[in-house]
């Protein structure tokens, strides 16, 4: 499965969470940002579903986003992932894609390249 991501005209950074766990397996995710204690709440993704967060780096302090990704009958398989951490200076149009699979969580920063560990 190869999907390319294209930025719109904004200068937002983008985080994409992908459920590649398998047919019928739900991925639950809970994403939070340290800026203004932003909390996206607990959400669920169907297989092959995507969840996107668009944001700008904070000028005052280093922006970080963390997401707890979980699955299983009782959501017993979980991992708290730092899905984005800003550099010392503000950046624009940064892409962070995360794919949850039964054998692990994979990431990439370039949608033209395959997911890697």
Protein backbone atom coordinates (compact mmCIF):
# COMPACT_ATOMS: atom_id res chain seq x y z
CA UNK A 1 0.00 0.00 0.00
CA UNK A 2 1.58 3.26 -1.10
CA UNK A 3 -0.11 6.55 -0.39
CA UNK A 4 1.48 9.89 -1.10
CA UNK A 5 0.78 12.85 1.12
CA UNK A 6 0.56 16.34 -0.35
CA UNK A 7 0.64 19.46 1.81
CA UNK A 8 -2.01 22.05 1.18
CA UNK A 9 -1.05 25.71 0.85
CA UNK A 10 -0.80 26.17 4.62
CA UNK A 11 2.48 25.90 6.44
CA UNK A 12 1.09 23.49 9.03
CA UNK A 13 3.00 20.50 10.31
CA UNK A 14 1.10 17.23 9.93
CA UNK A 15 0.87 14.04 11.98
CA UNK A 16 -0.92 11.07 10.40
CA UNK A 17 -1.89 7.96 12.39
CA UNK A 18 -2.70 4.90 10.22
CA UNK A 19 -4.43 1.66 11.21
CA UNK A 20 -2.75 -1.18 9.33
CA UNK A 21 -3.49 -3.81 11.99
CA UNK A 22 -5.71 -5.97 9.79
CA UNK A 23 -9.32 -6.42 8.82
CA UNK A 24 -11.71 -6.00 11.73
CA UNK A 25 -9.07 -4.75 14.18
CA UNK A 26 -9.77 -1.34 15.73
CA UNK A 27 -6.93 1.02 16.64
CA UNK A 28 -7.67 3.27 19.59
CA UNK A 29 -5.59 6.42 19.92
CA UNK A 30 -5.37 9.27 22.41
CA UNK A 31 -3.20 12.20 21.29
CA UNK A 32 -2.07 15.10 23.45
CA UNK A 33 0.10 18.17 22.92
CA UNK A 34 2.09 20.01 25.57
CA UNK A 35 1.02 23.40 24.20
CA UNK A 36 -2.11 24.63 26.01
CA UNK A 37 -2.58 21.05 27.27
CA UNK A 38 -4.37 20.21 24.02
CA UNK A 39 -6.08 16.83 24.25
CA UNK A 40 -7.72 15.27 21.20
CA UNK A 41 -9.57 12.70 23.30
CA UNK A 42 -9.86 8.95 22.82
CA UNK A 43 -10.73 8.03 19.25
CA UNK A 44 -11.04 4.82 17.27
CA UNK A 45 -9.85 4.02 13.76
CA UNK A 46 -11.19 1.24 11.57
CA UNK A 47 -8.72 -0.86 9.56
CA UNK A 48 -7.07 1.26 6.83
CA UNK A 49 -8.40 4.41 8.51
CA UNK A 50 -6.27 7.52 9.00
CA UNK A 51 -6.36 10.29 11.59
CA UNK A 52 -4.66 13.61 10.81
CA UNK A 53 -3.50 16.39 13.13
CA UNK A 54 -2.56 19.74 11.58
CA UNK A 55 -0.69 22.22 13.77
CA UNK A 56 1.97 24.90 13.95
CA UNK A 57 5.01 24.85 16.22
CA UNK A 58 4.73 27.11 19.25
CA UNK A 59 7.02 30.11 19.24
CA UNK A 60 7.35 30.06 23.02
CA UNK A 61 8.32 26.49 23.86
CA UNK A 62 9.18 23.25 22.10
CA UNK A 63 6.05 21.58 20.74
CA UNK A 64 5.61 17.87 21.47
CA UNK A 65 2.77 15.52 20.61
CA UNK A 66 2.30 12.12 22.28
CA UNK A 67 -0.24 9.48 21.30
CA UNK A 68 -1.18 6.31 23.15
CA UNK A 69 -1.94 3.70 20.48
CA UNK A 70 -3.77 0.56 21.61
CA UNK A 71 -5.66 -2.44 20.27
CA UNK A 72 -6.93 -5.84 21.33
CA UNK A 73 -10.19 -7.08 22.86
CA UNK A 74 -9.48 -5.06 26.02
CA UNK A 75 -7.06 -2.58 24.40
CA UNK A 76 -4.35 -4.52 26.25
CA UNK A 77 -1.69 -3.95 23.57
CA UNK A 78 -0.58 -0.35 23.83
CA UNK A 79 2.35 1.99 23.38
CA UNK A 80 2.80 5.67 24.27
CA UNK A 81 4.61 7.25 21.32
CA UNK A 82 6.17 10.69 21.04
CA UNK A 83 4.85 11.26 17.52
CA UNK A 84 6.34 14.75 17.10
CA UNK A 85 9.02 16.79 18.83
CA UNK A 86 9.92 20.21 17.48
CA UNK A 87 13.45 21.36 16.86
CA UNK A 88 14.89 24.33 18.74
CA UNK A 89 13.55 26.58 16.00
CA UNK A 90 10.06 26.53 14.54
CA UNK A 91 9.60 24.36 11.48
CA UNK A 92 6.92 24.25 8.81
CA UNK A 93 5.43 21.47 6.71
CA UNK A 94 6.96 18.68 8.76
CA UNK A 95 5.35 15.29 8.16
CA UNK A 96 5.25 12.51 10.73
CA UNK A 97 3.35 9.40 9.69
CA UNK A 98 2.81 6.46 12.03
CA UNK A 99 1.44 3.05 11.04
CA UNK A 100 0.22 0.58 13.65
CA UNK A 101 0.68 -3.05 12.61
CA UNK A 102 0.43 -6.25 14.63
CA UNK A 103 4.23 -6.64 14.51
CA UNK A 104 5.03 -3.08 15.60
CA UNK A 105 4.67 0.63 15.07
CA UNK A 106 6.36 2.09 12.01
CA UNK A 107 7.17 5.66 11.07
CA UNK A 108 8.28 7.79 8.16
CA UNK A 109 8.92 11.45 7.47
CA UNK A 110 8.63 11.21 3.71
CA UNK A 111 5.45 9.82 2.16
CA UNK A 112 7.38 8.73 -0.93
CA UNK A 113 9.39 6.21 1.11
CA UNK A 114 8.17 3.01 2.78
CA UNK A 115 7.46 2.82 6.49
CA UNK A 116 10.47 1.71 8.49
CA UNK A 117 11.09 0.72 12.08
